[in-house]
Amino acid sequence: MKRLLVLALFLCAGVCTLQAQVVDTTVCDVLKNPASFNGKMVRITGTVSAGFDQFIVRGPKCGQDVDAIWLAYPEGTKGKAGPEAMLELAPAHNFAGKFTAPTRAAVTIQKDKEFKKFDSLLSRDRDQGADTCLGCRKYEVTATLVGRLDGVADATLSRDSSGKIVGFGGFGNMNDYPARLVIQSVSDVAPKEIDYSKINDLTKGQPPAVLPPSTTSDMLAAAGKSATAIGNIPAGVQAQKDAAIFGKPGENNGVVIGFGEIDEVPSSNAAATADSPDGVLYECTFNKKKLQGDEMSWALLHVGQHVYDLRNPPASDEVPPLSYYESNAWAVTASAVIAARQRFFTLPGGFMVWDYKWPASDIQTNYKAALVSFLDDEALVTH
């Protein structure tokens, strides 16, 4: 009996120790100093959303350049939530900077009822409306998340005097998030339906949007046709450059295309063996299940614009904010959608950037106002 009591006390002590290792914190506290939480198990309550190129948890606005924490499931989770398109940077074999792959403790997901509810709600698309809407989900959720926090002091890309990228350490889309939470468990999941009522009112009486079918099985060729359809205007010329950024099949140009769900933490691969023209691998991943018809072409142009901008930084010494890249990419995407004769185009969260009924004199003003609101309220990046 005494031995059993001692064993019970020992087990209790072990459990208590494990629980003590989980730090209760907030999104804002993490974003104030992400590096101080690096490697720690944390518990955070916030609002979680998944969209075209994001999978994030946010709290009240924290005043940071990127005002959210990127989320990821452990490798092998096989969940359904997550973004539809994503760009991640990795060092090529001929990377000009110094890079040591970090060693991080493994995390195992708890696939209980709360997790399944969480994953299912975040992967459900918005009911089809009369507008075209990339990455528009029906729900966001509030939840309490426990997981491993990966954090860096600064996620800004470092460049040498010639403009070549020599350092990066962030997470998520374009490696631009200074903090990432690799989820171990979720609880207290509560759905909140995203309000698209204003969009539905604006498009009332219009038939549901019909996505143009891809006219070729070659997705890169289809993206090129979408770019050409914009015409010989600045947006069209730029879109053709974006389509060309992926190169030809088999070409070793540093841009890597992959397909599948995009909600898991990247594999800890061995050092890259492939070179790249600028020493960086641009790993572009797309979710075929979510991107139907010409949506894949538009997504390719969107991500291609990101790669183009990263390879051709502005002449200014100032580092562009994430909003610079997002604004350029959405401008090209919107141009391709309009060229495909879509009547309306909405961004995730219900921000209409194109309405075929707008007077020509109002198009630029209305587009810019909607995009700025989207960047502030949905993408959570400064502009």
Protein backbone atom coordinates (compact mmCIF):
# COMPACT_ATOMS: atom_id res chain seq x y z
CA MET A 1 0.00 0.00 0.00
CA LYS A 2 2.81 2.36 0.89
CA ARG A 3 4.57 1.62 -2.40
CA LEU A 4 1.35 2.35 -4.32
CA LEU A 5 0.96 5.63 -2.48
CA VAL A 6 4.54 6.63 -3.28
CA LEU A 7 3.99 5.70 -6.95
CA ALA A 8 0.77 7.73 -7.07
CA LEU A 9 2.52 10.74 -5.59
CA PHE A 10 5.35 10.36 -8.09
CA LEU A 11 2.93 10.22 -11.03
CA CYS A 12 1.04 13.23 -9.72
CA ALA A 13 4.28 15.17 -9.41
CA GLY A 14 5.13 14.30 -13.01
CA VAL A 15 1.76 15.47 -14.29
CA CYS A 16 1.94 18.67 -12.24
CA THR A 17 5.41 19.34 -13.68
CA LEU A 18 4.15 18.90 -17.22
CA GLN A 19 1.23 21.22 -16.57
CA ALA A 20 3.55 23.79 -15.01
CA GLN A 21 5.56 23.83 -18.21
CA VAL A 22 2.60 25.33 -20.11
CA VAL A 23 2.75 29.12 -19.90
CA ASP A 24 -0.51 31.04 -19.98
CA THR A 25 -0.11 34.11 -22.18
CA THR A 26 -1.84 36.29 -24.77
CA VAL A 27 -1.34 37.02 -28.44
CA CYS A 28 -0.19 40.56 -27.67
CA ASP A 29 2.30 39.46 -25.01
CA VAL A 30 3.85 37.00 -27.45
CA LEU A 31 4.06 39.56 -30.25
CA LYS A 32 5.76 42.08 -27.98
CA ASN A 33 8.71 39.70 -27.54
CA PRO A 34 8.33 36.50 -29.60
CA ALA A 35 11.91 35.33 -29.00
CA SER A 36 11.33 35.18 -25.22
CA PHE A 37 8.68 32.48 -25.80
CA ASN A 38 10.71 30.46 -28.29
CA GLY A 39 10.48 26.75 -27.55
CA LYS A 40 7.97 27.16 -24.71
CA MET A 41 4.66 25.37 -24.43
CA VAL A 42 2.00 28.07 -24.18
CA ARG A 43 -1.75 28.39 -23.75
CA ILE A 44 -3.43 31.17 -25.72
CA THR A 45 -7.08 32.11 -26.19
CA GLY A 46 -7.93 34.05 -29.32
CA THR A 47 -9.81 34.23 -32.59
CA VAL A 48 -8.63 31.81 -35.27
CA SER A 49 -9.17 32.31 -38.99
CA ALA A 50 -8.06 30.56 -42.15
CA GLY A 51 -8.19 32.15 -45.59
CA PHE A 52 -6.53 32.43 -48.95
CA ASP A 53 -2.97 32.76 -47.64
CA GLN A 54 -3.30 32.76 -43.86
CA PHE A 55 -3.89 30.49 -40.87
CA ILE A 56 -3.65 32.69 -37.78
CA VAL A 57 -4.74 33.40 -34.23
CA ARG A 58 -5.32 36.99 -33.17
CA GLY A 59 -6.38 38.87 -30.09
CA PRO A 60 -7.27 42.54 -29.74
CA LYS A 61 -5.10 44.73 -31.98
CA CYS A 62 -1.60 44.74 -30.55
CA GLY A 63 -0.03 47.53 -32.61
CA GLN A 64 2.51 45.29 -34.33
CA ASP A 65 3.47 45.34 -38.02
CA VAL A 66 2.10 41.79 -38.30
CA ASP A 67 -0.64 41.56 -35.69
CA ALA A 68 -1.21 37.81 -35.45
CA ILE A 69 0.52 34.50 -34.71
CA TRP A 70 0.84 31.96 -37.53
CA LEU A 71 -0.64 28.54 -36.79
CA ALA A 72 0.45 25.07 -37.85
CA TYR A 73 -0.48 21.50 -37.07
CA PRO A 74 2.28 18.99 -36.32
CA GLU A 75 3.58 17.08 -39.31
CA GLY A 76 1.32 14.16 -40.24
CA THR A 77 -1.87 15.61 -38.72
CA LYS A 78 -3.74 15.47 -42.05
CA GLY A 79 -6.17 18.23 -41.09
CA LYS A 80 -8.45 20.17 -43.42
CA ALA A 81 -7.99 23.78 -42.27
CA GLY A 82 -5.30 26.16 -43.44
CA PRO A 83 -4.57 28.50 -46.36
CA GLU A 84 -5.16 27.79 -50.03
CA ALA A 85 -1.84 29.19 -51.22
CA MET A 86 1.43 29.91 -49.47
CA LEU A 87 5.00 30.97 -50.18
CA GLU A 88 7.84 29.89 -47.89
CA LEU A 89 11.50 30.80 -48.29
CA ALA A 90 14.30 28.33 -47.61
CA PRO A 91 18.07 28.43 -48.15
CA ALA A 92 19.29 26.88 -51.38
CA HIS A 93 22.58 24.97 -51.57
CA ASN A 94 24.32 28.19 -52.65
CA PHE A 95 22.66 30.42 -50.03
CA ALA A 96 24.82 33.51 -49.49
CA GLY A 97 24.07 33.85 -45.78
CA LYS A 98 24.53 31.63 -42.77
CA PHE A 99 21.69 29.31 -41.84
CA THR A 100 21.49 26.62 -39.16
CA ALA A 101 18.29 24.64 -39.06
CA PRO A 102 16.82 24.97 -35.55
CA THR A 103 16.17 21.90 -33.44
CA ARG A 104 12.68 21.91 -31.96
CA ALA A 105 10.83 19.50 -29.70
CA ALA A 106 8.21 17.37 -31.44
CA VAL A 107 4.53 18.09 -30.84
CA THR A 108 1.76 15.50 -31.08
CA ILE A 109 -1.77 16.64 -31.86
CA GLN A 110 -4.69 15.54 -29.69
CA LYS A 111 -7.36 14.53 -32.21
CA ASP A 112 -10.33 14.72 -29.88
CA LYS A 113 -13.84 16.05 -30.53
CA GLU A 114 -12.78 19.64 -29.94
CA PHE A 115 -9.98 19.38 -32.49
CA LYS A 116 -12.29 17.82 -35.09
CA LYS A 117 -14.83 20.57 -34.50
CA PHE A 118 -12.10 23.22 -34.77
CA ASP A 119 -10.65 21.79 -37.98
CA SER A 120 -14.03 21.23 -39.61
CA LEU A 121 -15.37 24.72 -38.92
CA LEU A 122 -12.24 26.46 -40.20
CA SER A 123 -12.22 24.46 -43.44
CA ARG A 124 -15.85 25.11 -44.37
CA ASP A 125 -16.20 27.45 -47.33
CA ARG A 126 -18.69 30.26 -47.41
CA ASP A 127 -21.94 29.45 -49.17
CA GLN A 128 -21.66 30.37 -52.84
CA GLY A 129 -22.75 33.91 -53.62
CA ALA A 130 -22.98 35.97 -56.78
CA ASP A 131 -19.44 37.22 -56.19
CA THR A 132 -16.09 35.54 -56.76
CA CYS A 133 -14.27 35.19 -53.45
CA LEU A 134 -10.88 33.51 -52.96
CA GLY A 135 -10.32 31.92 -49.56
CA CYS A 136 -13.67 32.95 -48.13
CA ARG A 137 -14.60 30.71 -45.21
CA LYS A 138 -17.97 30.51 -43.51
CA TYR A 139 -16.63 30.59 -39.96
CA GLU A 140 -13.89 31.85 -37.74
CA VAL A 141 -13.66 30.44 -34.22
CA THR A 142 -12.62 31.48 -30.77
CA ALA A 143 -10.65 28.79 -28.99
CA THR A 144 -8.01 28.07 -26.41
CA LEU A 145 -4.87 26.65 -28.01
CA VAL A 146 -2.01 24.81 -26.36
CA GLY A 147 1.18 24.21 -28.30
CA ARG A 148 4.84 24.93 -28.91
CA LEU A 149 5.63 28.56 -29.60
CA ASP A 150 8.35 29.25 -32.15
CA GLY A 151 9.51 32.85 -31.99
CA VAL A 152 12.20 35.11 -33.40
CA ALA A 153 13.27 38.62 -32.45
CA ASP A 154 12.84 39.90 -36.01
CA ALA A 155 11.24 38.21 -39.01
CA THR A 156 12.45 40.87 -41.46
CA LEU A 157 14.44 39.59 -44.44
CA SER A 158 18.11 40.59 -44.34
CA ARG A 159 19.88 41.61 -47.56
CA ASP A 160 23.50 42.34 -48.39
CA SER A 161 24.70 45.47 -50.18
CA SER A 162 23.75 43.98 -53.55
CA GLY A 163 20.20 43.26 -52.40
CA LYS A 164 20.66 39.49 -52.13
CA ILE A 165 18.74 37.80 -49.30
CA VAL A 166 21.22 36.60 -46.66
CA GLY A 167 18.98 36.06 -43.65
CA PHE A 168 15.44 35.13 -42.74
CA GLY A 169 13.90 33.51 -39.73
CA GLY A 170 10.16 34.11 -39.66
CA PHE A 171 7.27 31.77 -40.20
CA GLY A 172 4.18 31.36 -42.34
CA ASN A 173 3.46 33.09 -45.62
CA MET A 174 6.62 34.77 -46.96
CA ASN A 175 8.32 33.93 -43.61
CA ASP A 176 6.90 37.23 -42.39
CA TYR A 177 5.39 36.20 -39.04
CA PRO A 178 7.71 36.49 -36.01
CA ALA A 179 5.76 33.85 -34.07
CA ARG A 180 4.25 30.47 -34.91
CA LEU A 181 2.18 28.20 -32.68
CA VAL A 182 2.39 24.48 -33.44
CA ILE A 183 -0.88 23.20 -32.01
CA GLN A 184 -0.99 20.34 -29.53
CA SER A 185 -4.60 20.68 -28.37
CA VAL A 186 -7.64 22.91 -28.69
CA SER A 187 -10.55 23.52 -26.33
CA ASP A 188 -13.50 25.86 -25.77
CA VAL A 189 -14.15 26.02 -29.52
CA ALA A 190 -16.94 28.45 -30.39
CA PRO A 191 -17.86 29.28 -34.01
CA LYS A 192 -18.66 32.74 -35.28
CA GLU A 193 -20.20 33.00 -38.73
CA ILE A 194 -18.41 35.60 -40.86
CA ASP A 195 -20.80 38.34 -41.95
CA TYR A 196 -21.17 38.58 -45.74
CA SER A 197 -24.60 40.24 -45.56
CA LYS A 198 -23.37 43.52 -47.08
CA ILE A 199 -21.88 41.63 -50.02
CA ASN A 200 -25.07 39.63 -50.46
CA ASP A 201 -27.11 42.85 -50.45
CA LEU A 202 -24.85 44.42 -53.07
CA THR A 203 -25.12 41.40 -55.38
CA LYS A 204 -28.81 40.68 -54.75
CA GLY A 205 -30.66 39.52 -57.86
CA GLN A 206 -27.48 38.37 -59.59
CA PRO A 207 -26.97 34.70 -60.48
CA PRO A 208 -24.27 32.77 -58.55
CA ALA A 209 -20.73 33.33 -59.72
CA VAL A 210 -19.55 30.81 -62.29
CA LEU A 211 -15.82 30.18 -62.26
CA PRO A 212 -14.23 29.89 -65.70
CA PRO A 213 -13.05 26.32 -66.26
CA SER A 214 -9.37 25.83 -66.88
CA THR A 215 -8.88 25.61 -70.62
CA THR A 216 -5.78 23.47 -70.31
CA SER A 217 -4.52 20.77 -68.00
CA ASP A 218 -1.21 22.64 -67.82
CA MET A 219 -1.73 24.98 -64.85
CA LEU A 220 1.24 27.18 -65.69
CA ALA A 221 0.01 27.60 -69.24
CA ALA A 222 -3.45 28.45 -67.88
CA ALA A 223 -1.92 31.08 -65.60
CA GLY A 224 -0.10 32.54 -68.60
CA LYS A 225 -3.38 32.78 -70.51
CA SER A 226 -5.04 34.50 -67.55
CA ALA A 227 -2.20 37.02 -67.49
CA THR A 228 -2.39 37.63 -71.24
CA ALA A 229 -6.16 38.17 -71.02
CA ILE A 230 -5.59 41.26 -68.85
CA GLY A 231 -4.15 42.99 -71.90
CA ASN A 232 -1.21 45.21 -72.66
CA ILE A 233 -1.65 47.46 -69.64
CA PRO A 234 0.76 47.73 -66.67
CA ALA A 235 -1.16 45.11 -64.64
CA GLY A 236 -1.21 42.75 -67.62
CA VAL A 237 2.49 43.18 -68.35
CA GLN A 238 3.28 42.53 -64.69
CA ALA A 239 0.99 39.49 -64.57
CA GLN A 240 2.88 37.98 -67.52
CA LYS A 241 6.13 38.42 -65.56
CA ASP A 242 4.47 36.73 -62.58
CA ALA A 243 3.38 33.77 -64.69
CA ALA A 244 6.89 33.46 -66.12
CA ILE A 245 8.45 33.45 -62.64
CA PHE A 246 7.71 29.72 -62.30
CA GLY A 247 9.85 28.88 -65.32
CA LYS A 248 9.44 25.84 -67.53
CA PRO A 249 8.96 22.25 -66.31
CA GLY A 250 12.27 20.86 -65.15
CA GLU A 251 13.96 24.26 -65.07
CA ASN A 252 16.10 24.84 -61.98
CA ASN A 253 15.18 28.45 -61.27
CA GLY A 254 14.75 28.28 -57.51
CA VAL A 255 10.93 28.36 -57.60
CA VAL A 256 9.43 25.10 -56.36
CA ILE A 257 5.73 24.25 -56.83
CA GLY A 258 3.92 21.77 -54.60
CA PHE A 259 0.31 20.74 -54.01
CA GLY A 260 -1.62 19.59 -50.96
CA GLU A 261 -2.96 20.84 -47.66
CA ILE A 262 -0.89 23.67 -46.20
CA ASP A 263 -1.69 23.49 -42.49
CA GLU A 264 1.29 21.51 -41.16
CA VAL A 265 4.65 22.67 -39.88
CA PRO A 266 7.25 22.21 -42.65
CA SER A 267 9.40 19.11 -42.52
CA SER A 268 12.85 19.41 -40.99
CA ASN A 269 14.61 18.53 -44.22
CA ALA A 270 18.32 18.05 -44.63
CA ALA A 271 20.36 20.81 -46.21
CA ALA A 272 19.20 21.68 -49.73
CA THR A 273 21.17 20.19 -52.59
CA ALA A 274 19.70 22.45 -55.31
CA ASP A 275 21.12 25.83 -56.22
CA SER A 276 19.05 28.90 -57.04
CA PRO A 277 19.90 32.03 -59.05
CA ASP A 278 19.77 34.12 -55.86
CA GLY A 279 20.58 31.41 -53.32
CA VAL A 280 16.98 31.13 -52.07
CA LEU A 281 14.34 28.48 -52.70
CA TYR A 282 10.83 29.88 -53.12
CA GLU A 283 8.54 27.04 -52.08
CA CYS A 284 5.05 27.70 -53.45
CA THR A 285 2.29 25.38 -52.29
CA PHE A 286 -1.32 25.28 -53.50
CA ASN A 287 -4.38 23.38 -52.30
CA LYS A 288 -6.01 21.84 -55.37
CA LYS A 289 -9.10 20.86 -53.38
CA LYS A 290 -9.86 24.51 -52.65
CA LEU A 291 -8.67 26.15 -55.88
CA GLN A 292 -11.06 25.20 -58.66
CA GLY A 293 -11.05 26.21 -62.32
CA ASP A 294 -9.37 29.53 -62.95
CA GLU A 295 -8.88 30.04 -59.21
CA MET A 296 -5.65 28.08 -59.55
CA SER A 297 -4.45 30.44 -62.29
CA TRP A 298 -5.24 33.46 -60.14
CA ALA A 299 -3.49 31.88 -57.15
CA LEU A 300 -0.39 31.20 -59.25
CA LEU A 301 -0.30 34.83 -60.38
CA HIS A 302 -0.79 36.01 -56.79
CA VAL A 303 2.11 33.96 -55.42
CA GLY A 304 4.19 34.67 -58.51
CA GLN A 305 3.88 38.38 -57.71
CA HIS A 306 5.24 37.71 -54.23
CA VAL A 307 8.27 35.93 -55.67
CA TYR A 308 8.79 38.70 -58.22
CA ASP A 309 8.69 41.40 -55.53
CA LEU A 310 11.06 39.50 -53.26
CA ARG A 311 13.52 39.07 -56.11
CA ASN A 312 13.15 42.69 -57.20
CA PRO A 313 13.08 44.80 -54.02
CA PRO A 314 12.38 48.55 -54.19
CA ALA A 315 15.42 50.80 -54.62
CA SER A 316 14.71 52.43 -51.25
CA ASP A 317 16.81 51.34 -48.28
CA GLU A 318 13.62 50.87 -46.26
CA VAL A 319 12.33 47.31 -45.92
CA PRO A 320 8.82 47.10 -47.41
CA PRO A 321 6.09 45.98 -44.99
CA LEU A 322 4.02 42.86 -45.64
CA SER A 323 1.21 45.13 -46.87
CA TYR A 324 3.41 46.20 -49.82
CA TYR A 325 3.62 42.61 -51.05
CA GLU A 326 -0.04 41.89 -50.35
CA SER A 327 -1.21 45.05 -52.13
CA ASN A 328 0.79 44.24 -55.26
CA ALA A 329 -0.35 40.61 -55.32
CA TRP A 330 -4.04 41.45 -54.87
CA ALA A 331 -3.83 44.10 -57.60
CA VAL A 332 -2.63 41.49 -60.10
CA THR A 333 -5.16 38.95 -58.85
CA ALA A 334 -8.04 41.41 -59.13
CA SER A 335 -6.96 42.33 -62.66
CA ALA A 336 -7.04 38.67 -63.69
CA VAL A 337 -10.46 38.14 -62.10
CA ILE A 338 -11.87 41.19 -63.89
CA ALA A 339 -10.34 40.05 -67.20
CA ALA A 340 -12.17 36.74 -66.70
CA ARG A 341 -15.42 38.76 -66.77
CA GLN A 342 -16.37 38.18 -63.15
CA ARG A 343 -19.03 40.67 -62.04
CA PHE A 344 -17.84 40.99 -58.45
CA PHE A 345 -14.66 40.18 -56.55
CA THR A 346 -14.55 39.90 -52.77
CA LEU A 347 -11.60 39.35 -50.44
CA PRO A 348 -11.83 37.10 -47.35
CA GLY A 349 -13.93 38.64 -44.61
CA GLY A 350 -16.29 40.40 -47.02
CA PHE A 351 -14.33 43.26 -48.61
CA MET A 352 -15.52 43.95 -52.16
CA VAL A 353 -12.73 45.20 -54.42
CA TRP A 354 -14.62 44.97 -57.71
CA ASP A 355 -18.21 45.64 -58.72
CA TYR A 356 -18.97 45.84 -62.42
CA LYS A 357 -21.64 48.47 -61.67
CA TRP A 358 -19.14 50.97 -60.21
CA PRO A 359 -18.77 54.15 -62.29
CA ALA A 360 -15.34 54.35 -63.89
CA SER A 361 -14.56 57.41 -61.78
CA ASP A 362 -15.10 55.44 -58.55
CA ILE A 363 -13.24 52.21 -59.33
CA GLN A 364 -9.82 53.18 -57.97
CA THR A 365 -11.23 54.90 -54.86
CA ASN A 366 -13.55 52.01 -54.00
CA TYR A 367 -10.88 49.39 -54.68
CA LYS A 368 -8.28 51.13 -52.52
CA ALA A 369 -10.71 51.69 -49.62
CA ALA A 370 -11.74 48.02 -49.59
CA LEU A 371 -8.13 46.79 -49.85
CA VAL A 372 -6.92 49.01 -47.00
CA SER A 373 -9.80 47.81 -44.81
CA PHE A 374 -8.94 44.22 -45.69
CA LEU A 375 -5.27 44.68 -44.80
CA ASP A 376 -6.17 46.36 -41.50
CA ASP A 377 -9.02 44.19 -40.32
CA GLU A 378 -8.51 40.79 -41.93
CA ALA A 379 -4.85 40.39 -42.94
CA LEU A 380 -3.80 42.35 -39.81
CA VAL A 381 -0.79 44.05 -41.38
CA THR A 382 0.20 47.71 -41.27
CA HIS A 383 0.14 49.73 -44.48
